[in-house]
Structure formats: structure tokens, C-alpha cells
Amino acid sequence: MAKTVIEVNKNANENNASILRRFSRKIQESNIIQKVKGSRYNKRKESKLTVKKGTLKRLGRRKEIEKLRKLGKIK
């Protein structure tokens, strides 16, 4: 995610609470928090090789279980 710089300068006769309020408003308008929260639990896509290996592993297990069923070792 690209870094975003948000800067708020203090105006004359402005107290800290109003500066903080302006800063919070700018943060909300830039949607930084929503982007971070939205991407927090996202997972990367698995590579094609990983998917292929998992599929081959599952097929091998199914074949082995079917073989054991035919031999009567598994109900």
C-alpha cells in the first residue's frame, strides 16, 4: 500500500482540540483507515503450483482410501 502523508498546520489562535479534529477529519476523508481494515484479513492467492500439489495430494488420498475399501480394510 502506498504511503500517504497528511499534514495539518496550526492556525493562529487555534487550540489543540480543533487541530486534532481537523486531522481526524482529513484521515477519514482519505479513507486510510477503511483501506487498512479492509485489507487486514485478506489472503494472498495461492500459486498455481501449490494448488496443483494440493489437488494431486487429495486425489492420491482418495485413490488410497478407495483401494483400502475394496480390500475390506476400511468400512
PDB file of N, CA and C in Angstrom:
ATOM      1  N   MET A   1       0.852  -1.166   0.000  1.00  0.00           N
ATOM      2  CA  MET A   1       0.000   0.000   0.000  1.00  0.00           C
ATOM      3  C   MET A   1       0.901   1.234   0.000  1.00  0.00           C
ATOM      4  N   ALA A   2       0.557   2.201  -0.798  1.00  0.00           N
ATOM      5  CA  ALA A   2       1.337   3.427  -0.908  1.00  0.00           C
ATOM      6  C   ALA A   2       1.174   4.256   0.366  1.00  0.00           C
ATOM      7  N   LYS A   3       2.255   4.880   0.750  1.00  0.00           N
ATOM      8  CA  LYS A   3       2.211   5.718   1.942  1.00  0.00           C
ATOM      9  C   LYS A   3       1.583   7.058   1.595  1.00  0.00           C
ATOM     10  N   THR A   4       0.742   7.543   2.487  1.00  0.00           N
ATOM     11  CA  THR A   4       0.077   8.815   2.290  1.00  0.00           C
ATOM     12  C   THR A   4       0.477   9.749   3.421  1.00  0.00           C
ATOM     13  N   VAL A   5       0.840  10.958   3.068  1.00  0.00           N
ATOM     14  CA  VAL A   5       1.233  11.946   4.073  1.00  0.00           C
ATOM     15  C   VAL A   5       0.086  12.927   4.235  1.00  0.00           C
ATOM     16  N   ILE A   6      -0.357  13.063   5.473  1.00  0.00           N
ATOM     17  CA  ILE A   6      -1.414  14.031   5.765  1.00  0.00           C
ATOM     18  C   ILE A   6      -0.833  15.029   6.762  1.00  0.00           C
ATOM     19  N   GLU A   7      -0.895  16.288   6.399  1.00  0.00           N
ATOM     20  CA  GLU A   7      -0.279  17.332   7.206  1.00  0.00           C
ATOM     21  C   GLU A   7      -1.327  18.378   7.564  1.00  0.00           C
ATOM     22  N   VAL A   8      -1.337  18.764   8.842  1.00  0.00           N
ATOM     23  CA  VAL A   8      -2.250  19.807   9.314  1.00  0.00           C
ATOM     24  C   VAL A   8      -1.407  20.836  10.048  1.00  0.00           C
ATOM     25  N   ASN A   9      -1.467  22.077   9.600  1.00  0.00           N
ATOM     26  CA  ASN A   9      -0.718  23.154  10.241  1.00  0.00           C
ATOM     27  C   ASN A   9      -1.611  23.919  11.195  1.00  0.00           C
ATOM     28  N   LYS A  10      -1.015  24.351  12.294  1.00  0.00           N
ATOM     29  CA  LYS A  10      -1.770  25.086  13.307  1.00  0.00           C
ATOM     30  C   LYS A  10      -1.994  26.522  12.840  1.00  0.00           C
ATOM     31  N   ASN A  11      -3.236  26.953  12.898  1.00  0.00           N
ATOM     32  CA  ASN A  11      -3.577  28.337  12.560  1.00  0.00           C
ATOM     33  C   ASN A  11      -3.406  29.209  13.809  1.00  0.00           C
ATOM     34  N   ALA A  12      -3.393  30.494  13.617  1.00  0.00           N
ATOM     35  CA  ALA A  12      -3.273  31.406  14.762  1.00  0.00           C
ATOM     36  C   ALA A  12      -4.513  31.286  15.645  1.00  0.00           C
ATOM     37  N   ASN A  13      -4.314  31.323  16.938  1.00  0.00           N
ATOM     38  CA  ASN A  13      -5.400  31.250  17.928  1.00  0.00           C
ATOM     39  C   ASN A  13      -6.225  29.970  17.801  1.00  0.00           C
ATOM     40  N   GLU A  14      -5.572  28.877  17.475  1.00  0.00           N
ATOM     41  CA  GLU A  14      -6.290  27.597  17.351  1.00  0.00           C
ATOM     42  C   GLU A  14      -5.794  26.658  18.450  1.00  0.00           C
ATOM     43  N   ASN A  15      -6.738  26.028  19.154  1.00  0.00           N
ATOM     44  CA  ASN A  15      -6.318  25.136  20.228  1.00  0.00           C
ATOM     45  C   ASN A  15      -6.050  23.723  19.692  1.00  0.00           C
ATOM     46  N   ASN A  16      -5.480  22.904  20.562  1.00  0.00           N
ATOM     47  CA  ASN A  16      -5.065  21.561  20.154  1.00  0.00           C
ATOM     48  C   ASN A  16      -6.251  20.663  19.794  1.00  0.00           C
ATOM     49  N   ALA A  17      -7.370  20.847  20.452  1.00  0.00           N
ATOM     50  CA  ALA A  17      -8.539  20.015  20.182  1.00  0.00           C
ATOM     51  C   ALA A  17      -9.048  20.226  18.752  1.00  0.00           C
ATOM     52  N   SER A  18      -9.051  21.466  18.304  1.00  0.00           N
ATOM     53  CA  SER A  18      -9.537  21.727  16.947  1.00  0.00           C
ATOM     54  C   SER A  18      -8.546  21.217  15.896  1.00  0.00           C
ATOM     55  N   ILE A  19      -7.253  21.270  16.203  1.00  0.00           N
ATOM     56  CA  ILE A  19      -6.257  20.713  15.277  1.00  0.00           C
ATOM     57  C   ILE A  19      -6.459  19.205  15.160  1.00  0.00           C
ATOM     58  N   LEU A  20      -6.640  18.579  16.292  1.00  0.00           N
ATOM     59  CA  LEU A  20      -6.866  17.130  16.295  1.00  0.00           C
ATOM     60  C   LEU A  20      -8.144  16.767  15.542  1.00  0.00           C
ATOM     61  N   ARG A  21      -9.178  17.575  15.702  1.00  0.00           N
ATOM     62  CA  ARG A  21     -10.441  17.349  14.997  1.00  0.00           C
ATOM     63  C   ARG A  21     -10.248  17.469  13.480  1.00  0.00           C
ATOM     64  N   ARG A  22      -9.504  18.497  13.057  1.00  0.00           N
ATOM     65  CA  ARG A  22      -9.239  18.681  11.620  1.00  0.00           C
ATOM     66  C   ARG A  22      -8.412  17.525  11.063  1.00  0.00           C
ATOM     67  N   PHE A  23      -7.423  17.089  11.852  1.00  0.00           N
ATOM     68  CA  PHE A  23      -6.591  15.972  11.419  1.00  0.00           C
ATOM     69  C   PHE A  23      -7.431  14.696  11.281  1.00  0.00           C
ATOM     70  N   SER A  24      -8.277  14.429  12.267  1.00  0.00           N
ATOM     71  CA  SER A  24      -9.135  13.236  12.217  1.00  0.00           C
ATOM     72  C   SER A  24     -10.062  13.284  11.007  1.00  0.00           C
ATOM     73  N   ARG A  25     -10.606  14.459  10.716  1.00  0.00           N
ATOM     74  CA  ARG A  25     -11.497  14.600   9.561  1.00  0.00           C
ATOM     75  C   ARG A  25     -10.747  14.312   8.259  1.00  0.00           C
ATOM     76  N   LYS A  26      -9.511  14.824   8.148  1.00  0.00           N
ATOM     77  CA  LYS A  26      -8.719  14.575   6.938  1.00  0.00           C
ATOM     78  C   LYS A  26      -8.390  13.094   6.790  1.00  0.00           C
ATOM     79  N   ILE A  27      -8.101  12.437   7.894  1.00  0.00           N
ATOM     80  CA  ILE A  27      -7.824  10.990   7.858  1.00  0.00           C
ATOM     81  C   ILE A  27      -9.060  10.245   7.365  1.00  0.00           C
ATOM     82  N   GLN A  28     -10.236  10.591   7.885  1.00  0.00           N
ATOM     83  CA  GLN A  28     -11.473   9.919   7.464  1.00  0.00           C
ATOM     84  C   GLN A  28     -11.779  10.188   6.000  1.00  0.00           C
ATOM     85  N   GLU A  29     -11.525  11.393   5.528  1.00  0.00           N
ATOM     86  CA  GLU A  29     -11.792  11.723   4.134  1.00  0.00           C
ATOM     87  C   GLU A  29     -10.859  10.994   3.178  1.00  0.00           C
ATOM     88  N   SER A  30      -9.645  10.672   3.650  1.00  0.00           N
ATOM     89  CA  SER A  30      -8.687   9.997   2.767  1.00  0.00           C
ATOM     90  C   SER A  30      -8.898   8.483   2.734  1.00  0.00           C
ATOM     91  N   ASN A  31      -9.779   7.945   3.560  1.00  0.00           N
ATOM     92  CA  ASN A  31     -10.126   6.512   3.599  1.00  0.00           C
ATOM     93  C   ASN A  31      -8.941   5.616   3.933  1.00  0.00           C
ATOM     94  N   ILE A  32      -7.971   6.123   4.655  1.00  0.00           N
ATOM     95  CA  ILE A  32      -6.812   5.312   5.020  1.00  0.00           C
ATOM     96  C   ILE A  32      -7.223   4.185   5.960  1.00  0.00           C
ATOM     97  N   ILE A  33      -8.001   4.512   6.969  1.00  0.00           N
ATOM     98  CA  ILE A  33      -8.380   3.519   7.966  1.00  0.00           C
ATOM     99  C   ILE A  33      -9.230   2.424   7.335  1.00  0.00           C
ATOM    100  N   GLN A  34     -10.162   2.783   6.445  1.00  0.00           N
ATOM    101  CA  GLN A  34     -11.006   1.786   5.796  1.00  0.00           C
ATOM    102  C   GLN A  34     -10.172   0.846   4.944  1.00  0.00           C
ATOM    103  N   LYS A  35      -9.172   1.382   4.237  1.00  0.00           N
ATOM    104  CA  LYS A  35      -8.316   0.534   3.403  1.00  0.00           C
ATOM    105  C   LYS A  35      -7.538  -0.457   4.246  1.00  0.00           C
ATOM    106  N   VAL A  36      -6.994   0.011   5.364  1.00  0.00           N
ATOM    107  CA  VAL A  36      -6.198  -0.861   6.227  1.00  0.00           C
ATOM    108  C   VAL A  36      -7.083  -1.936   6.842  1.00  0.00           C
ATOM    109  N   LYS A  37      -8.252  -1.546   7.334  1.00  0.00           N
ATOM    110  CA  LYS A  37      -9.148  -2.532   7.928  1.00  0.00           C
ATOM    111  C   LYS A  37      -9.651  -3.526   6.881  1.00  0.00           C
ATOM    112  N   GLY A  38      -9.867  -3.043   5.676  1.00  0.00           N
ATOM    113  CA  GLY A  38     -10.352  -3.934   4.625  1.00  0.00           C
ATOM    114  C   GLY A  38      -9.318  -4.942   4.181  1.00  0.00           C
ATOM    115  N   SER A  39      -8.049  -4.557   4.228  1.00  0.00           N
ATOM    116  CA  SER A  39      -7.006  -5.474   3.765  1.00  0.00           C
ATOM    117  C   SER A  39      -6.406  -6.295   4.895  1.00  0.00           C
ATOM    118  N   ARG A  40      -6.891  -6.132   6.093  1.00  0.00           N
ATOM    119  CA  ARG A  40      -6.280  -6.796   7.239  1.00  0.00           C
ATOM    120  C   ARG A  40      -6.360  -8.313   7.139  1.00  0.00           C
ATOM    121  N   TYR A  41      -7.496  -8.858   6.742  1.00  0.00           N
ATOM    122  CA  TYR A  41      -7.690 -10.307   6.739  1.00  0.00           C
ATOM    123  C   TYR A  41      -7.603 -10.915   5.344  1.00  0.00           C
ATOM    124  N   ASN A  42      -7.210 -10.140   4.349  1.00  0.00           N
ATOM    125  CA  ASN A  42      -7.085 -10.689   3.009  1.00  0.00           C
ATOM    126  C   ASN A  42      -5.915 -11.642   2.939  1.00  0.00           C
ATOM    127  N   LYS A  43      -6.115 -12.736   2.208  1.00  0.00           N
ATOM    128  CA  LYS A  43      -5.039 -13.693   1.997  1.00  0.00           C
ATOM    129  C   LYS A  43      -4.564 -13.576   0.560  1.00  0.00           C
ATOM    130  N   ARG A  44      -3.316 -13.890   0.372  1.00  0.00           N
ATOM    131  CA  ARG A  44      -2.792 -13.907  -0.981  1.00  0.00           C
ATOM    132  C   ARG A  44      -3.353 -15.102  -1.717  1.00  0.00           C
ATOM    133  N   LYS A  45      -3.440 -14.978  -3.038  1.00  0.00           N
ATOM    134  CA  LYS A  45      -3.876 -16.111  -3.839  1.00  0.00           C
ATOM    135  C   LYS A  45      -2.774 -17.157  -3.813  1.00  0.00           C
ATOM    136  N   GLU A  46      -3.194 -18.422  -3.757  1.00  0.00           N
ATOM    137  CA  GLU A  46      -2.202 -19.489  -3.786  1.00  0.00           C
ATOM    138  C   GLU A  46      -1.629 -19.599  -5.189  1.00  0.00           C
ATOM    139  N   SER A  47      -0.370 -19.964  -5.259  1.00  0.00           N
ATOM    140  CA  SER A  47       0.268 -20.104  -6.565  1.00  0.00           C
ATOM    141  C   SER A  47      -0.302 -21.336  -7.267  1.00  0.00           C
ATOM    142  N   LYS A  48      -0.150 -21.373  -8.581  1.00  0.00           N
ATOM    143  CA  LYS A  48      -0.677 -22.496  -9.350  1.00  0.00           C
ATOM    144  C   LYS A  48      -0.019 -23.797  -8.920  1.00  0.00           C
ATOM    145  N   LEU A  49       1.267 -23.738  -8.611  1.00  0.00           N
ATOM    146  CA  LEU A  49       1.982 -24.934  -8.194  1.00  0.00           C
ATOM    147  C   LEU A  49       1.432 -25.476  -6.878  1.00  0.00           C
ATOM    148  N   THR A  50       1.151 -24.600  -5.931  1.00  0.00           N
ATOM    149  CA  THR A  50       0.607 -25.017  -4.643  1.00  0.00           C
ATOM    150  C   THR A  50      -0.770 -25.645  -4.817  1.00  0.00           C
ATOM    151  N   VAL A  51      -1.599 -25.053  -5.657  1.00  0.00           N
ATOM    152  CA  VAL A  51      -2.937 -25.590  -5.916  1.00  0.00           C
ATOM    153  C   VAL A  51      -2.817 -26.959  -6.558  1.00  0.00           C
ATOM    154  N   LYS A  52      -1.924 -27.079  -7.512  1.00  0.00           N
ATOM    155  CA  LYS A  52      -1.742 -28.354  -8.218  1.00  0.00           C
ATOM    156  C   LYS A  52      -1.259 -29.444  -7.261  1.00  0.00           C
ATOM    157  N   LYS A  53      -0.294 -29.102  -6.397  1.00  0.00           N
ATOM    158  CA  LYS A  53       0.218 -30.079  -5.432  1.00  0.00           C
ATOM    159  C   LYS A  53      -0.884 -30.543  -4.484  1.00  0.00           C
ATOM    160  N   GLY A  54      -1.704 -29.604  -4.011  1.00  0.00           N
ATOM    161  CA  GLY A  54      -2.800 -29.958  -3.106  1.00  0.00           C
ATOM    162  C   GLY A  54      -3.815 -30.865  -3.777  1.00  0.00           C
ATOM    163  N   THR A  55      -4.112 -30.574  -5.037  1.00  0.00           N
ATOM    164  CA  THR A  55      -5.066 -31.394  -5.781  1.00  0.00           C
ATOM    165  C   THR A  55      -4.522 -32.799  -5.975  1.00  0.00           C
ATOM    166  N   LEU A  56      -3.262 -32.913  -6.353  1.00  0.00           N
ATOM    167  CA  LEU A  56      -2.662 -34.234  -6.538  1.00  0.00           C
ATOM    168  C   LEU A  56      -2.622 -35.016  -5.230  1.00  0.00           C
ATOM    169  N   LYS A  57      -2.361 -34.335  -4.138  1.00  0.00           N
ATOM    170  CA  LYS A  57      -2.333 -34.986  -2.829  1.00  0.00           C
ATOM    171  C   LYS A  57      -3.718 -35.533  -2.469  1.00  0.00           C
ATOM    172  N   ARG A  58      -4.767 -34.711  -2.698  1.00  0.00           N
ATOM    173  CA  ARG A  58      -6.136 -35.157  -2.420  1.00  0.00           C
ATOM    174  C   ARG A  58      -6.511 -36.350  -3.273  1.00  0.00           C
ATOM    175  N   LEU A  59      -6.181 -36.289  -4.563  1.00  0.00           N
ATOM    176  CA  LEU A  59      -6.504 -37.400  -5.461  1.00  0.00           C
ATOM    177  C   LEU A  59      -5.786 -38.675  -5.039  1.00  0.00           C
ATOM    178  N   GLY A  60      -4.545 -38.542  -4.601  1.00  0.00           N
ATOM    179  CA  GLY A  60      -3.794 -39.708  -4.130  1.00  0.00           C
ATOM    180  C   GLY A  60      -4.425 -40.321  -2.898  1.00  0.00           C
ATOM    181  N   ARG A  61      -4.854 -39.466  -1.968  1.00  0.00           N
ATOM    182  CA  ARG A  61      -5.520 -39.975  -0.757  1.00  0.00           C
ATOM    183  C   ARG A  61      -6.824 -40.681  -1.103  1.00  0.00           C
ATOM    184  N   ARG A  62      -7.606 -40.090  -2.012  1.00  0.00           N
ATOM    185  CA  ARG A  62      -8.870 -40.723  -2.412  1.00  0.00           C
ATOM    186  C   ARG A  62      -8.633 -42.088  -3.025  1.00  0.00           C
ATOM    187  N   LYS A  63      -7.612 -42.143  -3.869  1.00  0.00           N
ATOM    188  CA  LYS A  63      -7.292 -43.412  -4.527  1.00  0.00           C
ATOM    189  C   LYS A  63      -6.890 -44.456  -3.493  1.00  0.00           C
ATOM    190  N   GLU A  64      -6.091 -44.074  -2.504  1.00  0.00           N
ATOM    191  CA  GLU A  64      -5.640 -44.992  -1.461  1.00  0.00           C
ATOM    192  C   GLU A  64      -6.818 -45.473  -0.609  1.00  0.00           C
ATOM    193  N   ILE A  65      -7.716 -44.560  -0.260  1.00  0.00           N
ATOM    194  CA  ILE A  65      -8.885 -44.926   0.544  1.00  0.00           C
ATOM    195  C   ILE A  65      -9.784 -45.870  -0.242  1.00  0.00           C
ATOM    196  N   GLU A  66      -9.983 -45.601  -1.507  1.00  0.00           N
ATOM    197  CA  GLU A  66     -10.810 -46.471  -2.351  1.00  0.00           C
ATOM    198  C   GLU A  66     -10.189 -47.866  -2.445  1.00  0.00           C
ATOM    199  N   LYS A  67      -8.875 -47.922  -2.542  1.00  0.00           N
ATOM    200  CA  LYS A  67      -8.166 -49.213  -2.608  1.00  0.00           C
ATOM    201  C   LYS A  67      -8.374 -49.999  -1.312  1.00  0.00           C
ATOM    202  N   LEU A  68      -8.255 -49.300  -0.163  1.00  0.00           N
ATOM    203  CA  LEU A  68      -8.450 -49.953   1.142  1.00  0.00           C
ATOM    204  C   LEU A  68      -9.899 -50.417   1.316  1.00  0.00           C
ATOM    205  N   ARG A  69     -10.865 -49.656   0.784  1.00  0.00           N
ATOM    206  CA  ARG A  69     -12.280 -50.063   0.847  1.00  0.00           C
ATOM    207  C   ARG A  69     -12.493 -51.345   0.064  1.00  0.00           C
ATOM    208  N   LYS A  70     -11.906 -51.425  -1.116  1.00  0.00           N
ATOM    209  CA  LYS A  70     -12.069 -52.628  -1.937  1.00  0.00           C
ATOM    210  C   LYS A  70     -11.447 -53.854  -1.273  1.00  0.00           C
ATOM    211  N   LEU A  71     -10.356 -53.633  -0.522  1.00  0.00           N
ATOM    212  CA  LEU A  71      -9.714 -54.733   0.179  1.00  0.00           C
ATOM    213  C   LEU A  71     -10.455 -55.094   1.470  1.00  0.00           C
ATOM    214  N   GLY A  72     -11.403 -54.254   1.893  1.00  0.00           N
ATOM    215  CA  GLY A  72     -12.192 -54.524   3.088  1.00  0.00           C
ATOM    216  C   GLY A  72     -11.519 -54.077   4.368  1.00  0.00           C
ATOM    217  N   LYS A  73     -10.487 -53.248   4.294  1.00  0.00           N
ATOM    218  CA  LYS A  73      -9.799 -52.781   5.476  1.00  0.00           C
ATOM    219  C   LYS A  73     -10.430 -51.537   6.077  1.00  0.00           C
ATOM    220  N   ILE A  74     -11.253 -50.855   5.286  1.00  0.00           N
ATOM    221  CA  ILE A  74     -11.976 -49.666   5.753  1.00  0.00           C
ATOM    222  C   ILE A  74     -13.448 -49.864   5.390  1.00  0.00           C
ATOM    223  N   LYS A  75     -14.327 -49.489   6.324  1.00  0.00           N
ATOM    224  CA  LYS A  75     -15.758 -49.601   6.035  1.00  0.00           C
ATOM    225  C   LYS A  75     -16.237 -48.398   5.280  1.00  0.00           C
TER     226      LYS A  75
END
